[in-house]
Amino acid sequence: MDQQHFEFDHKQNAELEELSGKSRIAAIAIGLLVVLDVIFQFSSTEASSWLTSLLAIASFLAGAYSCYALICSSQRLSKATQTNGQDLRHLFSSLQYFENCFIGLALAIFFHLSIHFVSN
């Protein structure tokens, strides 16, 4: 079967590169928030149970995965602008990682909020 090729034009490539850069900035911001949250959770003077510690670790892991997925998404967007004829493949791969980022972020928020319900 013959594979069809698609190539974005220069303006579209510029838009994708801009989105890629903004994704990297967002990944850094999410990473900083995740690290600060872990520092706050474990430096808290409140007596924490094993369940709150487990939820804090789960929140950290989900947040870290969210950052990883966003960085991978950014890399795939950059690849789409640098390759010839494989732009759609890289774009859809980027979108899959972008979706995974949102799932990881939602789980991180869920686990973080669960800590407050368990500790009260």
PDB file of N, CA and C in Angstrom:
ATOM      1  N   MET A   1       0.848  -1.184   0.000  1.00  0.00           N
ATOM      2  CA  MET A   1       0.000   0.000   0.000  1.00  0.00           C
ATOM      3  C   MET A   1       0.890   1.243   0.000  1.00  0.00           C
ATOM      4  N   ASP A   2       0.582   2.154  -0.863  1.00  0.00           N
ATOM      5  CA  ASP A   2       1.361   3.374  -0.978  1.00  0.00           C
ATOM      6  C   ASP A   2       0.996   4.338   0.152  1.00  0.00           C
ATOM      7  N   GLN A   3       2.015   4.830   0.848  1.00  0.00           N
ATOM      8  CA  GLN A   3       1.788   5.744   1.968  1.00  0.00           C
ATOM      9  C   GLN A   3       1.707   7.174   1.446  1.00  0.00           C
ATOM     10  N   GLN A   4       0.661   7.901   1.859  1.00  0.00           N
ATOM     11  CA  GLN A   4       0.510   9.281   1.436  1.00  0.00           C
ATOM     12  C   GLN A   4       1.365  10.181   2.332  1.00  0.00           C
ATOM     13  N   HIS A   5       1.904  11.223   1.743  1.00  0.00           N
ATOM     14  CA  HIS A   5       2.758  12.162   2.469  1.00  0.00           C
ATOM     15  C   HIS A   5       2.067  13.514   2.536  1.00  0.00           C
ATOM     16  N   PHE A   6       2.295  14.199   3.646  1.00  0.00           N
ATOM     17  CA  PHE A   6       1.725  15.534   3.822  1.00  0.00           C
ATOM     18  C   PHE A   6       2.786  16.413   4.447  1.00  0.00           C
ATOM     19  N   GLU A   7       2.866  17.628   3.970  1.00  0.00           N
ATOM     20  CA  GLU A   7       3.859  18.566   4.480  1.00  0.00           C
ATOM     21  C   GLU A   7       3.173  19.895   4.812  1.00  0.00           C
ATOM     22  N   PHE A   8       3.423  20.395   6.032  1.00  0.00           N
ATOM     23  CA  PHE A   8       2.898  21.706   6.419  1.00  0.00           C
ATOM     24  C   PHE A   8       3.699  22.793   5.716  1.00  0.00           C
ATOM     25  N   ASP A   9       3.048  23.945   5.482  1.00  0.00           N
ATOM     26  CA  ASP A   9       3.772  25.060   4.878  1.00  0.00           C
ATOM     27  C   ASP A   9       4.551  25.816   5.970  1.00  0.00           C
ATOM     28  N   HIS A  10       5.266  26.849   5.564  1.00  0.00           N
ATOM     29  CA  HIS A  10       6.144  27.572   6.493  1.00  0.00           C
ATOM     30  C   HIS A  10       5.365  28.247   7.625  1.00  0.00           C
ATOM     31  N   LYS A  11       4.213  28.793   7.311  1.00  0.00           N
ATOM     32  CA  LYS A  11       3.402  29.447   8.339  1.00  0.00           C
ATOM     33  C   LYS A  11       2.888  28.423   9.362  1.00  0.00           C
ATOM     34  N   GLN A  12       2.444  27.284   8.881  1.00  0.00           N
ATOM     35  CA  GLN A  12       1.975  26.239   9.790  1.00  0.00           C
ATOM     36  C   GLN A  12       3.121  25.699  10.643  1.00  0.00           C
ATOM     37  N   ASN A  13       4.289  25.535  10.037  1.00  0.00           N
ATOM     38  CA  ASN A  13       5.457  25.103  10.797  1.00  0.00           C
ATOM     39  C   ASN A  13       5.814  26.098  11.897  1.00  0.00           C
ATOM     40  N   ALA A  14       5.699  27.383  11.585  1.00  0.00           N
ATOM     41  CA  ALA A  14       5.987  28.416  12.585  1.00  0.00           C
ATOM     42  C   ALA A  14       4.988  28.331  13.749  1.00  0.00           C
ATOM     43  N   GLU A  15       3.732  28.099  13.435  1.00  0.00           N
ATOM     44  CA  GLU A  15       2.708  27.954  14.487  1.00  0.00           C
ATOM     45  C   GLU A  15       2.999  26.737  15.366  1.00  0.00           C
ATOM     46  N   LEU A  16       3.388  25.634  14.739  1.00  0.00           N
ATOM     47  CA  LEU A  16       3.704  24.425  15.500  1.00  0.00           C
ATOM     48  C   LEU A  16       4.935  24.622  16.379  1.00  0.00           C
ATOM     49  N   GLU A  17       5.934  25.327  15.879  1.00  0.00           N
ATOM     50  CA  GLU A  17       7.126  25.615  16.686  1.00  0.00           C
ATOM     51  C   GLU A  17       6.784  26.500  17.880  1.00  0.00           C
ATOM     52  N   GLU A  18       5.896  27.473  17.660  1.00  0.00           N
ATOM     53  CA  GLU A  18       5.463  28.332  18.758  1.00  0.00           C
ATOM     54  C   GLU A  18       4.720  27.515  19.817  1.00  0.00           C
ATOM     55  N   LEU A  19       3.837  26.641  19.383  1.00  0.00           N
ATOM     56  CA  LEU A  19       3.115  25.771  20.310  1.00  0.00           C
ATOM     57  C   LEU A  19       4.074  24.840  21.049  1.00  0.00           C
ATOM     58  N   SER A  20       5.079  24.353  20.351  1.00  0.00           N
ATOM     59  CA  SER A  20       6.084  23.496  20.961  1.00  0.00           C
ATOM     60  C   SER A  20       6.828  24.238  22.078  1.00  0.00           C
ATOM     61  N   GLY A  21       7.205  25.469  21.821  1.00  0.00           N
ATOM     62  CA  GLY A  21       7.890  26.276  22.840  1.00  0.00           C
ATOM     63  C   GLY A  21       7.008  26.558  24.046  1.00  0.00           C
ATOM     64  N   LYS A  22       5.755  26.870  23.787  1.00  0.00           N
ATOM     65  CA  LYS A  22       4.825  27.126  24.888  1.00  0.00           C
ATOM     66  C   LYS A  22       4.567  25.858  25.694  1.00  0.00           C
ATOM     67  N   SER A  23       4.574  24.710  25.029  1.00  0.00           N
ATOM     68  CA  SER A  23       4.400  23.437  25.732  1.00  0.00           C
ATOM     69  C   SER A  23       5.568  23.179  26.673  1.00  0.00           C
ATOM     70  N   ARG A  24       6.769  23.517  26.251  1.00  0.00           N
ATOM     71  CA  ARG A  24       7.943  23.351  27.117  1.00  0.00           C
ATOM     72  C   ARG A  24       7.841  24.251  28.341  1.00  0.00           C
ATOM     73  N   ILE A  25       7.400  25.475  28.143  1.00  0.00           N
ATOM     74  CA  ILE A  25       7.236  26.397  29.270  1.00  0.00           C
ATOM     75  C   ILE A  25       6.183  25.864  30.238  1.00  0.00           C
ATOM     76  N   ALA A  26       5.080  25.359  29.699  1.00  0.00           N
ATOM     77  CA  ALA A  26       4.027  24.792  30.552  1.00  0.00           C
ATOM     78  C   ALA A  26       4.538  23.576  31.315  1.00  0.00           C
ATOM     79  N   ALA A  27       5.364  22.740  30.673  1.00  0.00           N
ATOM     80  CA  ALA A  27       5.921  21.562  31.349  1.00  0.00           C
ATOM     81  C   ALA A  27       6.816  21.980  32.516  1.00  0.00           C
ATOM     82  N   ILE A  28       7.590  23.025  32.328  1.00  0.00           N
ATOM     83  CA  ILE A  28       8.443  23.527  33.409  1.00  0.00           C
ATOM     84  C   ILE A  28       7.594  24.054  34.555  1.00  0.00           C
ATOM     85  N   ALA A  29       6.549  24.804  34.239  1.00  0.00           N
ATOM     86  CA  ALA A  29       5.671  25.351  35.273  1.00  0.00           C
ATOM     87  C   ALA A  29       4.964  24.235  36.046  1.00  0.00           C
ATOM     88  N   ILE A  30       4.456  23.241  35.341  1.00  0.00           N
ATOM     89  CA  ILE A  30       3.788  22.115  36.008  1.00  0.00           C
ATOM     90  C   ILE A  30       4.787  21.369  36.882  1.00  0.00           C
ATOM     91  N   GLY A  31       5.994  21.162  36.369  1.00  0.00           N
ATOM     92  CA  GLY A  31       7.035  20.488  37.146  1.00  0.00           C
ATOM     93  C   GLY A  31       7.362  21.225  38.430  1.00  0.00           C
ATOM     94  N   LEU A  32       7.483  22.543  38.355  1.00  0.00           N
ATOM     95  CA  LEU A  32       7.754  23.333  39.558  1.00  0.00           C
ATOM     96  C   LEU A  32       6.617  23.228  40.569  1.00  0.00           C
ATOM     97  N   LEU A  33       5.386  23.269  40.081  1.00  0.00           N
ATOM     98  CA  LEU A  33       4.239  23.132  40.983  1.00  0.00           C
ATOM     99  C   LEU A  33       4.211  21.761  41.655  1.00  0.00           C
ATOM    100  N   VAL A  34       4.534  20.731  40.893  1.00  0.00           N
ATOM    101  CA  VAL A  34       4.547  19.377  41.448  1.00  0.00           C
ATOM    102  C   VAL A  34       5.617  19.245  42.521  1.00  0.00           C
ATOM    103  N   VAL A  35       6.800  19.768  42.260  1.00  0.00           N
ATOM    104  CA  VAL A  35       7.888  19.699  43.241  1.00  0.00           C
ATOM    105  C   VAL A  35       7.540  20.512  44.484  1.00  0.00           C
ATOM    106  N   LEU A  36       7.017  21.703  44.308  1.00  0.00           N
ATOM    107  CA  LEU A  36       6.626  22.523  45.461  1.00  0.00           C
ATOM    108  C   LEU A  36       5.525  21.847  46.272  1.00  0.00           C
ATOM    109  N   ASP A  37       4.597  21.178  45.602  1.00  0.00           N
ATOM    110  CA  ASP A  37       3.535  20.474  46.305  1.00  0.00           C
ATOM    111  C   ASP A  37       4.102  19.340  47.148  1.00  0.00           C
ATOM    112  N   VAL A  38       5.043  18.593  46.598  1.00  0.00           N
ATOM    113  CA  VAL A  38       5.651  17.493  47.351  1.00  0.00           C
ATOM    114  C   VAL A  38       6.415  18.034  48.553  1.00  0.00           C
ATOM    115  N   ILE A  39       7.165  19.102  48.352  1.00  0.00           N
ATOM    116  CA  ILE A  39       7.910  19.700  49.462  1.00  0.00           C
ATOM    117  C   ILE A  39       6.945  20.150  50.550  1.00  0.00           C
ATOM    118  N   PHE A  40       5.854  20.776  50.158  1.00  0.00           N
ATOM    119  CA  PHE A  40       4.870  21.243  51.139  1.00  0.00           C
ATOM    120  C   PHE A  40       4.208  20.075  51.858  1.00  0.00           C
ATOM    121  N   GLN A  41       3.840  19.037  51.111  1.00  0.00           N
ATOM    122  CA  GLN A  41       3.156  17.892  51.714  1.00  0.00           C
ATOM    123  C   GLN A  41       4.029  17.192  52.748  1.00  0.00           C
ATOM    124  N   PHE A  42       5.304  17.007  52.437  1.00  0.00           N
ATOM    125  CA  PHE A  42       6.163  16.256  53.344  1.00  0.00           C
ATOM    126  C   PHE A  42       6.829  17.120  54.411  1.00  0.00           C
ATOM    127  N   SER A  43       6.794  18.439  54.262  1.00  0.00           N
ATOM    128  CA  SER A  43       7.347  19.304  55.298  1.00  0.00           C
ATOM    129  C   SER A  43       6.270  19.811  56.244  1.00  0.00           C
ATOM    130  N   SER A  44       5.040  19.440  55.965  1.00  0.00           N
ATOM    131  CA  SER A  44       3.924  19.851  56.812  1.00  0.00           C
ATOM    132  C   SER A  44       4.099  19.271  58.208  1.00  0.00           C
ATOM    133  N   THR A  45       3.795  20.066  59.210  1.00  0.00           N
ATOM    134  CA  THR A  45       3.959  19.613  60.597  1.00  0.00           C
ATOM    135  C   THR A  45       2.812  18.727  61.052  1.00  0.00           C
ATOM    136  N   GLU A  46       1.774  18.631  60.230  1.00  0.00           N
ATOM    137  CA  GLU A  46       0.650  17.772  60.582  1.00  0.00           C
ATOM    138  C   GLU A  46       1.087  16.313  60.549  1.00  0.00           C
ATOM    139  N   ALA A  47       0.535  15.529  61.451  1.00  0.00           N
ATOM    140  CA  ALA A  47       0.822  14.097  61.431  1.00  0.00           C
ATOM    141  C   ALA A  47       0.140  13.499  60.207  1.00  0.00           C
ATOM    142  N   SER A  48       0.934  12.903  59.350  1.00  0.00           N
ATOM    143  CA  SER A  48       0.338  12.338  58.141  1.00  0.00           C
ATOM    144  C   SER A  48       0.290  10.820  58.259  1.00  0.00           C
ATOM    145  N   SER A  49      -0.765  10.270  57.771  1.00  0.00           N
ATOM    146  CA  SER A  49      -0.937   8.825  57.801  1.00  0.00           C
ATOM    147  C   SER A  49      -0.265   8.214  56.574  1.00  0.00           C
ATOM    148  N   TRP A  50      -0.226   6.920  56.545  1.00  0.00           N
ATOM    149  CA  TRP A  50       0.352   6.240  55.386  1.00  0.00           C
ATOM    150  C   TRP A  50      -0.484   6.503  54.143  1.00  0.00           C
ATOM    151  N   LEU A  51      -1.798   6.702  54.326  1.00  0.00           N
ATOM    152  CA  LEU A  51      -2.675   6.940  53.187  1.00  0.00           C
ATOM    153  C   LEU A  51      -2.405   8.316  52.567  1.00  0.00           C
ATOM    154  N   THR A  52      -2.215   9.328  53.395  1.00  0.00           N
ATOM    155  CA  THR A  52      -1.921  10.657  52.841  1.00  0.00           C
ATOM    156  C   THR A  52      -0.552  10.663  52.161  1.00  0.00           C
ATOM    157  N   SER A  53       0.409   9.925  52.728  1.00  0.00           N
ATOM    158  CA  SER A  53       1.724   9.826  52.088  1.00  0.00           C
ATOM    159  C   SER A  53       1.617   9.121  50.747  1.00  0.00           C
ATOM    160  N   LEU A  54       0.827   8.061  50.704  1.00  0.00           N
ATOM    161  CA  LEU A  54       0.626   7.328  49.452  1.00  0.00           C
ATOM    162  C   LEU A  54      -0.049   8.201  48.402  1.00  0.00           C
ATOM    163  N   LEU A  55      -1.043   8.975  48.825  1.00  0.00           N
ATOM    164  CA  LEU A  55      -1.726   9.880  47.887  1.00  0.00           C
ATOM    165  C   LEU A  55      -0.783  10.981  47.403  1.00  0.00           C
ATOM    166  N   ALA A  56       0.083  11.471  48.285  1.00  0.00           N
ATOM    167  CA  ALA A  56       1.050  12.498  47.886  1.00  0.00           C
ATOM    168  C   ALA A  56       2.038  11.940  46.866  1.00  0.00           C
ATOM    169  N   ILE A  57       2.476  10.714  47.068  1.00  0.00           N
ATOM    170  CA  ILE A  57       3.387  10.081  46.105  1.00  0.00           C
ATOM    171  C   ILE A  57       2.678   9.850  44.775  1.00  0.00           C
ATOM    172  N   ALA A  58       1.427   9.403  44.835  1.00  0.00           N
ATOM    173  CA  ALA A  58       0.649   9.188  43.606  1.00  0.00           C
ATOM    174  C   ALA A  58       0.442  10.508  42.864  1.00  0.00           C
ATOM    175  N   SER A  59       0.184  11.573  43.591  1.00  0.00           N
ATOM    176  CA  SER A  59       0.015  12.887  42.976  1.00  0.00           C
ATOM    177  C   SER A  59       1.310  13.330  42.303  1.00  0.00           C
ATOM    178  N   PHE A  60       2.427  13.099  42.987  1.00  0.00           N
ATOM    179  CA  PHE A  60       3.728  13.458  42.408  1.00  0.00           C
ATOM    180  C   PHE A  60       3.993  12.675  41.131  1.00  0.00           C
ATOM    181  N   LEU A  61       3.774  11.371  41.163  1.00  0.00           N
ATOM    182  CA  LEU A  61       4.030  10.538  39.987  1.00  0.00           C
ATOM    183  C   LEU A  61       3.140  10.926  38.812  1.00  0.00           C
ATOM    184  N   ALA A  62       1.867  11.196  39.084  1.00  0.00           N
ATOM    185  CA  ALA A  62       0.956  11.610  38.020  1.00  0.00           C
ATOM    186  C   ALA A  62       1.372  12.965  37.450  1.00  0.00           C
ATOM    187  N   GLY A  63       1.780  13.882  38.313  1.00  0.00           N
ATOM    188  CA  GLY A  63       2.242  15.186  37.846  1.00  0.00           C
ATOM    189  C   GLY A  63       3.533  15.084  37.051  1.00  0.00           C
ATOM    190  N   ALA A  64       4.439  14.217  37.502  1.00  0.00           N
ATOM    191  CA  ALA A  64       5.692  14.021  36.785  1.00  0.00           C
ATOM    192  C   ALA A  64       5.433  13.414  35.405  1.00  0.00           C
ATOM    193  N   TYR A  65       4.496  12.458  35.353  1.00  0.00           N
ATOM    194  CA  TYR A  65       4.148  11.870  34.056  1.00  0.00           C
ATOM    195  C   TYR A  65       3.522  12.921  33.139  1.00  0.00           C
ATOM    196  N   SER A  66       2.722  13.809  33.710  1.00  0.00           N
ATOM    197  CA  SER A  66       2.116  14.877  32.924  1.00  0.00           C
ATOM    198  C   SER A  66       3.195  15.746  32.284  1.00  0.00           C
ATOM    199  N   CYS A  67       4.226  16.076  33.051  1.00  0.00           N
ATOM    200  CA  CYS A  67       5.343  16.869  32.508  1.00  0.00           C
ATOM    201  C   CYS A  67       6.063  16.104  31.397  1.00  0.00           C
ATOM    202  N   TYR A  68       6.324  14.832  31.644  1.00  0.00           N
ATOM    203  CA  TYR A  68       6.992  13.995  30.656  1.00  0.00           C
ATOM    204  C   TYR A  68       6.182  13.959  29.355  1.00  0.00           C
ATOM    205  N   ALA A  69       4.883  13.739  29.463  1.00  0.00           N
ATOM    206  CA  ALA A  69       4.035  13.655  28.278  1.00  0.00           C
ATOM    207  C   ALA A  69       4.005  14.983  27.525  1.00  0.00           C
ATOM    208  N   LEU A  70       4.009  16.089  28.253  1.00  0.00           N
ATOM    209  CA  LEU A  70       3.987  17.399  27.602  1.00  0.00           C
ATOM    210  C   LEU A  70       5.308  17.678  26.885  1.00  0.00           C
ATOM    211  N   ILE A  71       6.408  17.250  27.472  1.00  0.00           N
ATOM    212  CA  ILE A  71       7.707  17.419  26.809  1.00  0.00           C
ATOM    213  C   ILE A  71       7.777  16.544  25.559  1.00  0.00           C
ATOM    214  N   CYS A  72       7.279  15.308  25.655  1.00  0.00           N
ATOM    215  CA  CYS A  72       7.245  14.431  24.468  1.00  0.00           C
ATOM    216  C   CYS A  72       6.367  15.022  23.380  1.00  0.00           C
ATOM    217  N   SER A  73       5.245  15.602  23.768  1.00  0.00           N
ATOM    218  CA  SER A  73       4.364  16.257  22.809  1.00  0.00           C
ATOM    219  C   SER A  73       5.094  17.391  22.107  1.00  0.00           C
ATOM    220  N   SER A  74       5.815  18.172  22.887  1.00  0.00           N
ATOM    221  CA  SER A  74       6.583  19.289  22.329  1.00  0.00           C
ATOM    222  C   SER A  74       7.645  18.794  21.346  1.00  0.00           C
ATOM    223  N   GLN A  75       8.313  17.710  21.691  1.00  0.00           N
ATOM    224  CA  GLN A  75       9.337  17.159  20.798  1.00  0.00           C
ATOM    225  C   GLN A  75       8.730  16.670  19.485  1.00  0.00           C
ATOM    226  N   ARG A  76       7.565  16.043  19.557  1.00  0.00           N
ATOM    227  CA  ARG A  76       6.919  15.553  18.337  1.00  0.00           C
ATOM    228  C   ARG A  76       6.463  16.716  17.455  1.00  0.00           C
ATOM    229  N   LEU A  77       6.011  17.802  18.083  1.00  0.00           N
ATOM    230  CA  LEU A  77       5.638  18.977  17.292  1.00  0.00           C
ATOM    231  C   LEU A  77       6.854  19.534  16.564  1.00  0.00           C
ATOM    232  N   SER A  78       7.986  19.564  17.256  1.00  0.00           N
ATOM    233  CA  SER A  78       9.211  20.047  16.608  1.00  0.00           C
ATOM    234  C   SER A  78       9.618  19.138  15.458  1.00  0.00           C
ATOM    235  N   LYS A  79       9.463  17.824  15.652  1.00  0.00           N
ATOM    236  CA  LYS A  79       9.792  16.887  14.576  1.00  0.00           C
ATOM    237  C   LYS A  79       8.906  17.113  13.355  1.00  0.00           C
ATOM    238  N   ALA A  80       7.657  17.459  13.599  1.00  0.00           N
ATOM    239  CA  ALA A  80       6.743  17.697  12.480  1.00  0.00           C
ATOM    240  C   ALA A  80       7.219  18.853  11.620  1.00  0.00           C
ATOM    241  N   THR A  81       7.893  19.813  12.223  1.00  0.00           N
ATOM    242  CA  THR A  81       8.381  20.959  11.450  1.00  0.00           C
ATOM    243  C   THR A  81       9.717  20.676  10.778  1.00  0.00           C
ATOM    244  N   GLN A  82      10.414  19.632  11.225  1.00  0.00           N
ATOM    245  CA  GLN A  82      11.759  19.354  10.707  1.00  0.00           C
ATOM    246  C   GLN A  82      11.801  18.234   9.679  1.00  0.00           C
ATOM    247  N   THR A  83      10.745  17.435   9.587  1.00  0.00           N
ATOM    248  CA  THR A  83      10.755  16.302   8.664  1.00  0.00           C
ATOM    249  C   THR A  83      10.017  16.646   7.383  1.00  0.00           C
ATOM    250  N   ASN A  84      10.233  15.825   6.400  1.00  0.00           N
ATOM    251  CA  ASN A  84       9.540  15.989   5.117  1.00  0.00           C
ATOM    252  C   ASN A  84       8.619  14.803   4.898  1.00  0.00           C
ATOM    253  N   GLY A  85       7.333  15.085   4.739  1.00  0.00           N
ATOM    254  CA  GLY A  85       6.373  14.055   4.395  1.00  0.00           C
ATOM    255  C   GLY A  85       5.823  13.249   5.550  1.00  0.00           C
ATOM    256  N   GLN A  86       6.279  13.485   6.765  1.00  0.00           N
ATOM    257  CA  GLN A  86       5.800  12.733   7.920  1.00  0.00           C
ATOM    258  C   GLN A  86       5.131  13.639   8.944  1.00  0.00           C
ATOM    259  N   ASP A  87       4.708  14.799   8.513  1.00  0.00           N
ATOM    260  CA  ASP A  87       4.159  15.791   9.432  1.00  0.00           C
ATOM    261  C   ASP A  87       2.913  15.306  10.163  1.00  0.00           C
ATOM    262  N   LEU A  88       1.989  14.688   9.450  1.00  0.00           N
ATOM    263  CA  LEU A  88       0.758  14.236  10.094  1.00  0.00           C
ATOM    264  C   LEU A  88       1.031  13.142  11.126  1.00  0.00           C
ATOM    265  N   ARG A  89       1.956  12.254  10.829  1.00  0.00           N
ATOM    266  CA  ARG A  89       2.290  11.189  11.775  1.00  0.00           C
ATOM    267  C   ARG A  89       2.829  11.784  13.069  1.00  0.00           C
ATOM    268  N   HIS A  90       3.730  12.762  12.949  1.00  0.00           N
ATOM    269  CA  HIS A  90       4.281  13.410  14.139  1.00  0.00           C
ATOM    270  C   HIS A  90       3.232  14.253  14.860  1.00  0.00           C
ATOM    271  N   LEU A  91       2.358  14.895  14.105  1.00  0.00           N
ATOM    272  CA  LEU A  91       1.297  15.694  14.711  1.00  0.00           C
ATOM    273  C   LEU A  91       0.368  14.819  15.547  1.00  0.00           C
ATOM    274  N   PHE A  92      -0.062  13.693  15.009  1.00  0.00           N
ATOM    275  CA  PHE A  92      -0.968  12.818  15.747  1.00  0.00           C
ATOM    276  C   PHE A  92      -0.272  12.161  16.935  1.00  0.00           C
ATOM    277  N   SER A  93       0.998  11.884  16.805  1.00  0.00           N
ATOM    278  CA  SER A  93       1.766  11.364  17.935  1.00  0.00           C
ATOM    279  C   SER A  93       1.843  12.421  19.035  1.00  0.00           C
ATOM    280  N   SER A  94       2.039  13.667  18.633  1.00  0.00           N
ATOM    281  CA  SER A  94       2.074  14.776  19.585  1.00  0.00           C
ATOM    282  C   SER A  94       0.738  14.930  20.299  1.00  0.00           C
ATOM    283  N   LEU A  95      -0.342  14.809  19.556  1.00  0.00           N
ATOM    284  CA  LEU A  95      -1.674  14.932  20.154  1.00  0.00           C
ATOM    285  C   LEU A  95      -1.946  13.817  21.161  1.00  0.00           C
ATOM    286  N   GLN A  96      -1.435  12.618  20.889  1.00  0.00           N
ATOM    287  CA  GLN A  96      -1.598  11.507  21.827  1.00  0.00           C
ATOM    288  C   GLN A  96      -0.879  11.815  23.140  1.00  0.00           C
ATOM    289  N   TYR A  97       0.347  12.324  23.053  1.00  0.00           N
ATOM    290  CA  TYR A  97       1.074  12.711  24.268  1.00  0.00           C
ATOM    291  C   TYR A  97       0.378  13.869  24.982  1.00  0.00           C
ATOM    292  N   PHE A  98      -0.183  14.794  24.207  1.00  0.00           N
ATOM    293  CA  PHE A  98      -0.896  15.926  24.788  1.00  0.00           C
ATOM    294  C   PHE A  98      -2.108  15.440  25.587  1.00  0.00           C
ATOM    295  N   GLU A  99      -2.815  14.464  25.030  1.00  0.00           N
ATOM    296  CA  GLU A  99      -3.944  13.860  25.734  1.00  0.00           C
ATOM    297  C   GLU A  99      -3.470  13.183  27.023  1.00  0.00           C
ATOM    298  N   ASN A 100      -2.360  12.471  26.948  1.00  0.00           N
ATOM    299  CA  ASN A 100      -1.809  11.816  28.138  1.00  0.00           C
ATOM    300  C   ASN A 100      -1.405  12.824  29.199  1.00  0.00           C
ATOM    301  N   CYS A 101      -0.947  13.990  28.762  1.00  0.00           N
ATOM    302  CA  CYS A 101      -0.597  15.051  29.709  1.00  0.00           C
ATOM    303  C   CYS A 101      -1.819  15.466  30.511  1.00  0.00           C
ATOM    304  N   PHE A 102      -2.936  15.653  29.845  1.00  0.00           N
ATOM    305  CA  PHE A 102      -4.161  16.053  30.544  1.00  0.00           C
ATOM    306  C   PHE A 102      -4.656  14.972  31.495  1.00  0.00           C
ATOM    307  N   ILE A 103      -4.525  13.719  31.096  1.00  0.00           N
ATOM    308  CA  ILE A 103      -4.920  12.625  31.977  1.00  0.00           C
ATOM    309  C   ILE A 103      -4.040  12.618  33.226  1.00  0.00           C
ATOM    310  N   GLY A 104      -2.731  12.751  33.038  1.00  0.00           N
ATOM    311  CA  GLY A 104      -1.815  12.801  34.179  1.00  0.00           C
ATOM    312  C   GLY A 104      -2.088  13.983  35.082  1.00  0.00           C
ATOM    313  N   LEU A 105      -2.367  15.125  34.487  1.00  0.00           N
ATOM    314  CA  LEU A 105      -2.662  16.321  35.267  1.00  0.00           C
ATOM    315  C   LEU A 105      -3.954  16.166  36.055  1.00  0.00           C
ATOM    316  N   ALA A 106      -4.968  15.596  35.430  1.00  0.00           N
ATOM    317  CA  ALA A 106      -6.240  15.363  36.132  1.00  0.00           C
ATOM    318  C   ALA A 106      -6.047  14.394  37.301  1.00  0.00           C
ATOM    319  N   LEU A 107      -5.261  13.348  37.099  1.00  0.00           N
ATOM    320  CA  LEU A 107      -4.989  12.411  38.188  1.00  0.00           C
ATOM    321  C   LEU A 107      -4.200  13.066  39.312  1.00  0.00           C
ATOM    322  N   ALA A 108      -3.226  13.899  38.966  1.00  0.00           N
ATOM    323  CA  ALA A 108      -2.440  14.600  39.988  1.00  0.00           C
ATOM    324  C   ALA A 108      -3.343  15.501  40.834  1.00  0.00           C
ATOM    325  N   ILE A 109      -4.242  16.210  40.198  1.00  0.00           N
ATOM    326  CA  ILE A 109      -5.175  17.078  40.924  1.00  0.00           C
ATOM    327  C   ILE A 109      -6.111  16.247  41.787  1.00  0.00           C
ATOM    328  N   PHE A 110      -6.617  15.142  41.233  1.00  0.00           N
ATOM    329  CA  PHE A 110      -7.506  14.262  41.987  1.00  0.00           C
ATOM    330  C   PHE A 110      -6.817  13.724  43.240  1.00  0.00           C
ATOM    331  N   PHE A 111      -5.592  13.221  43.095  1.00  0.00           N
ATOM    332  CA  PHE A 111      -4.875  12.688  44.261  1.00  0.00           C
ATOM    333  C   PHE A 111      -4.564  13.783  45.263  1.00  0.00           C
ATOM    334  N   HIS A 112      -4.219  14.977  44.779  1.00  0.00           N
ATOM    335  CA  HIS A 112      -3.939  16.090  45.680  1.00  0.00           C
ATOM    336  C   HIS A 112      -5.185  16.465  46.486  1.00  0.00           C
ATOM    337  N   LEU A 113      -6.310  16.563  45.810  1.00  0.00           N
ATOM    338  CA  LEU A 113      -7.541  16.907  46.516  1.00  0.00           C
ATOM    339  C   LEU A 113      -7.964  15.794  47.473  1.00  0.00           C
ATOM    340  N   SER A 114      -7.687  14.549  47.122  1.00  0.00           N
ATOM    341  CA  SER A 114      -8.019  13.416  47.989  1.00  0.00           C
ATOM    342  C   SER A 114      -7.276  13.496  49.312  1.00  0.00           C
ATOM    343  N   ILE A 115      -6.079  14.041  49.290  1.00  0.00           N
ATOM    344  CA  ILE A 115      -5.292  14.202  50.538  1.00  0.00           C
ATOM    345  C   ILE A 115      -6.068  15.048  51.531  1.00  0.00           C
ATOM    346  N   HIS A 116      -6.688  16.104  51.063  1.00  0.00           N
ATOM    347  CA  HIS A 116      -7.414  16.999  51.957  1.00  0.00           C
ATOM    348  C   HIS A 116      -8.665  16.344  52.524  1.00  0.00           C
ATOM    349  N   PHE A 117      -9.306  15.495  51.730  1.00  0.00           N
ATOM    350  CA  PHE A 117     -10.496  14.799  52.237  1.00  0.00           C
ATOM    351  C   PHE A 117     -10.109  13.721  53.234  1.00  0.00           C
ATOM    352  N   VAL A 118      -8.994  13.055  52.998  1.00  0.00           N
ATOM    353  CA  VAL A 118      -8.550  11.977  53.900  1.00  0.00           C
ATOM    354  C   VAL A 118      -8.032  12.557  55.201  1.00  0.00           C
ATOM    355  N   SER A 119      -7.347  13.678  55.145  1.00  0.00           N
ATOM    356  CA  SER A 119      -6.744  14.247  56.358  1.00  0.00           C
ATOM    357  C   SER A 119      -7.763  14.965  57.245  1.00  0.00           C
ATOM    358  N   ASN A 120      -8.939  15.277  56.724  1.00  0.00           N
ATOM    359  CA  ASN A 120      -9.948  15.957  57.548  1.00  0.00           C
ATOM    360  C   ASN A 120     -10.920  15.004  58.150  1.00  0.00           C
TER     361      ASN A 120
END
